[in-house]
Amino acid sequence: MLRRFADLPFLVALLALAVGSLAVLALYLHLGAAALLYDRPGWLALSGVVVLGWLGRVWGLTLGQRMPGDPIVFALRDPASLTAGACVLVLLVLAAAG
């Protein structure tokens, strides 16, 4: 739980890092490096969308002080988080499949 938003600067920094990671994924796809490893790298772009949606959900729960304790335990038990993870795995398989 947030301690009266004392953790907000840390959370903003983590959000900025997460968005930066998605920007790196976009550059990786745009520059064509992914085409060397994946037969259909376009599927990887959708994984970024899934991750962004999941991050938005977790961010909203945290700011609304509805995050129940440890976020890793939450992600491993939350049906929406598990579904997002499964979607990313499927998208990685689709990207690699020839």
C-alpha atoms as a PDB file:
ATOM      1  CA  MET A   1       0.000   0.000   0.000  1.00  0.00           C
ATOM      2  CA  LEU A   2       1.069   3.551  -0.586  1.00  0.00           C
ATOM      3  CA  ARG A   3       2.043   5.415   2.513  1.00  0.00           C
ATOM      4  CA  ARG A   4       0.038   8.594   1.864  1.00  0.00           C
ATOM      5  CA  PHE A   5       1.647   8.871  -1.556  1.00  0.00           C
ATOM      6  CA  ALA A   6       5.139   8.985  -0.041  1.00  0.00           C
ATOM      7  CA  ASP A   7       6.043   6.260  -2.522  1.00  0.00           C
ATOM      8  CA  LEU A   8       4.694   8.242  -5.480  1.00  0.00           C
ATOM      9  CA  PRO A   9       8.092   9.515  -6.747  1.00  0.00           C
ATOM     10  CA  PHE A  10       9.395   5.943  -6.796  1.00  0.00           C
ATOM     11  CA  LEU A  11       6.276   4.733  -8.629  1.00  0.00           C
ATOM     12  CA  VAL A  12       6.563   7.516 -11.190  1.00  0.00           C
ATOM     13  CA  ALA A  13      10.188   6.511 -11.808  1.00  0.00           C
ATOM     14  CA  LEU A  14       9.133   2.888 -12.291  1.00  0.00           C
ATOM     15  CA  LEU A  15       6.394   3.942 -14.681  1.00  0.00           C
ATOM     16  CA  ALA A  16       8.896   5.988 -16.675  1.00  0.00           C
ATOM     17  CA  LEU A  17      11.207   2.968 -16.872  1.00  0.00           C
ATOM     18  CA  ALA A  18       8.344   0.773 -18.035  1.00  0.00           C
ATOM     19  CA  VAL A  19       7.344   3.220 -20.758  1.00  0.00           C
ATOM     20  CA  GLY A  20      11.008   3.494 -21.731  1.00  0.00           C
ATOM     21  CA  SER A  21      11.168  -0.283 -22.071  1.00  0.00           C
ATOM     22  CA  LEU A  22       8.198  -0.196 -24.416  1.00  0.00           C
ATOM     23  CA  ALA A  23       9.955   2.522 -26.437  1.00  0.00           C
ATOM     24  CA  VAL A  24      13.003   0.254 -26.748  1.00  0.00           C
ATOM     25  CA  LEU A  25      10.726  -2.546 -27.981  1.00  0.00           C
ATOM     26  CA  ALA A  26       9.259  -0.173 -30.577  1.00  0.00           C
ATOM     27  CA  LEU A  27      12.738   0.815 -31.764  1.00  0.00           C
ATOM     28  CA  TYR A  28      13.807  -2.825 -31.893  1.00  0.00           C
ATOM     29  CA  LEU A  29      10.838  -3.611 -34.121  1.00  0.00           C
ATOM     30  CA  HIS A  30      11.155  -0.488 -36.257  1.00  0.00           C
ATOM     31  CA  LEU A  31      14.871  -0.870 -36.985  1.00  0.00           C
ATOM     32  CA  GLY A  32      14.376  -4.411 -38.267  1.00  0.00           C
ATOM     33  CA  ALA A  33      16.571  -6.215 -35.751  1.00  0.00           C
ATOM     34  CA  ALA A  34      13.621  -8.376 -34.716  1.00  0.00           C
ATOM     35  CA  ALA A  35      13.272  -9.658 -38.285  1.00  0.00           C
ATOM     36  CA  LEU A  36      16.609 -11.436 -37.883  1.00  0.00           C
ATOM     37  CA  LEU A  37      15.257 -13.575 -35.027  1.00  0.00           C
ATOM     38  CA  TYR A  38      11.518 -13.740 -35.630  1.00  0.00           C
ATOM     39  CA  ASP A  39       9.647 -14.850 -38.722  1.00  0.00           C
ATOM     40  CA  ARG A  40       6.731 -12.520 -37.977  1.00  0.00           C
ATOM     41  CA  PRO A  41       7.969  -9.749 -35.663  1.00  0.00           C
ATOM     42  CA  GLY A  42       4.743  -7.766 -36.005  1.00  0.00           C
ATOM     43  CA  TRP A  43       3.223  -9.977 -33.331  1.00  0.00           C
ATOM     44  CA  LEU A  44       5.755  -8.591 -30.867  1.00  0.00           C
ATOM     45  CA  ALA A  45       4.191  -5.143 -31.192  1.00  0.00           C
ATOM     46  CA  LEU A  46       0.953  -6.545 -29.806  1.00  0.00           C
ATOM     47  CA  SER A  47       2.840  -7.876 -26.801  1.00  0.00           C
ATOM     48  CA  GLY A  48       3.817  -4.271 -26.037  1.00  0.00           C
ATOM     49  CA  VAL A  49       0.156  -3.285 -26.121  1.00  0.00           C
ATOM     50  CA  VAL A  50      -0.734  -6.105 -23.716  1.00  0.00           C
ATOM     51  CA  VAL A  51       2.049  -5.118 -21.331  1.00  0.00           C
ATOM     52  CA  LEU A  52       1.031  -1.455 -21.490  1.00  0.00           C
ATOM     53  CA  GLY A  53      -2.562  -2.370 -20.629  1.00  0.00           C
ATOM     54  CA  TRP A  54      -1.431  -4.527 -17.739  1.00  0.00           C
ATOM     55  CA  LEU A  55       0.853  -1.790 -16.422  1.00  0.00           C
ATOM     56  CA  GLY A  56      -2.023   0.681 -16.599  1.00  0.00           C
ATOM     57  CA  ARG A  57      -4.200  -1.669 -14.576  1.00  0.00           C
ATOM     58  CA  VAL A  58      -1.534  -2.225 -11.919  1.00  0.00           C
ATOM     59  CA  TRP A  59      -0.788   1.513 -11.794  1.00  0.00           C
ATOM     60  CA  GLY A  60      -4.493   2.281 -11.295  1.00  0.00           C
ATOM     61  CA  LEU A  61      -4.838  -0.296  -8.524  1.00  0.00           C
ATOM     62  CA  THR A  62      -1.757   1.065  -6.796  1.00  0.00           C
ATOM     63  CA  LEU A  63      -2.824   4.704  -6.964  1.00  0.00           C
ATOM     64  CA  GLY A  64      -6.306   3.750  -5.778  1.00  0.00           C
ATOM     65  CA  GLN A  65      -4.632   1.982  -2.851  1.00  0.00           C
ATOM     66  CA  ARG A  66      -6.234  -1.316  -3.870  1.00  0.00           C
ATOM     67  CA  MET A  67      -2.967  -3.195  -4.415  1.00  0.00           C
ATOM     68  CA  PRO A  68      -3.057  -5.976  -1.822  1.00  0.00           C
ATOM     69  CA  GLY A  69       0.512  -6.161  -0.543  1.00  0.00           C
ATOM     70  CA  ASP A  70       3.389  -7.549  -2.593  1.00  0.00           C
ATOM     71  CA  PRO A  71       2.908  -6.753  -6.304  1.00  0.00           C
ATOM     72  CA  ILE A  72       4.746  -9.915  -7.396  1.00  0.00           C
ATOM     73  CA  VAL A  73       2.475 -12.147  -5.345  1.00  0.00           C
ATOM     74  CA  PHE A  74      -0.460 -10.145  -6.690  1.00  0.00           C
ATOM     75  CA  ALA A  75       0.652 -10.691 -10.308  1.00  0.00           C
ATOM     76  CA  LEU A  76       1.087 -14.427  -9.749  1.00  0.00           C
ATOM     77  CA  ARG A  77      -2.415 -14.788  -8.278  1.00  0.00           C
ATOM     78  CA  ASP A  78      -4.409 -12.211 -10.249  1.00  0.00           C
ATOM     79  CA  PRO A  79      -6.419 -13.764 -13.122  1.00  0.00           C
ATOM     80  CA  ALA A  80      -6.027 -10.663 -15.321  1.00  0.00           C
ATOM     81  CA  SER A  81      -2.253 -10.649 -14.804  1.00  0.00           C
ATOM     82  CA  LEU A  82      -2.005 -14.350 -15.599  1.00  0.00           C
ATOM     83  CA  THR A  83      -4.103 -13.829 -18.725  1.00  0.00           C
ATOM     84  CA  ALA A  84      -1.868 -10.968 -19.846  1.00  0.00           C
ATOM     85  CA  GLY A  85       1.208 -13.139 -19.298  1.00  0.00           C
ATOM     86  CA  ALA A  86      -0.334 -15.995 -21.279  1.00  0.00           C
ATOM     87  CA  CYS A  87      -1.207 -13.582 -24.108  1.00  0.00           C
ATOM     88  CA  VAL A  88       2.394 -12.346 -24.264  1.00  0.00           C
ATOM     89  CA  LEU A  89       3.661 -15.938 -24.419  1.00  0.00           C
ATOM     90  CA  VAL A  90       1.238 -16.757 -27.233  1.00  0.00           C
ATOM     91  CA  LEU A  91       2.328 -13.645 -29.123  1.00  0.00           C
ATOM     92  CA  LEU A  92       5.984 -14.650 -28.753  1.00  0.00           C
ATOM     93  CA  VAL A  93       5.190 -18.107 -30.146  1.00  0.00           C
ATOM     94  CA  LEU A  94       3.250 -16.554 -33.023  1.00  0.00           C
ATOM     95  CA  ALA A  95       6.147 -14.229 -33.781  1.00  0.00           C
ATOM     96  CA  ALA A  96       8.633 -17.096 -33.848  1.00  0.00           C
ATOM     97  CA  ALA A  97       6.449 -19.546 -35.765  1.00  0.00           C
ATOM     98  CA  GLY A  98       7.246 -19.832 -39.432  1.00  0.00           C
END
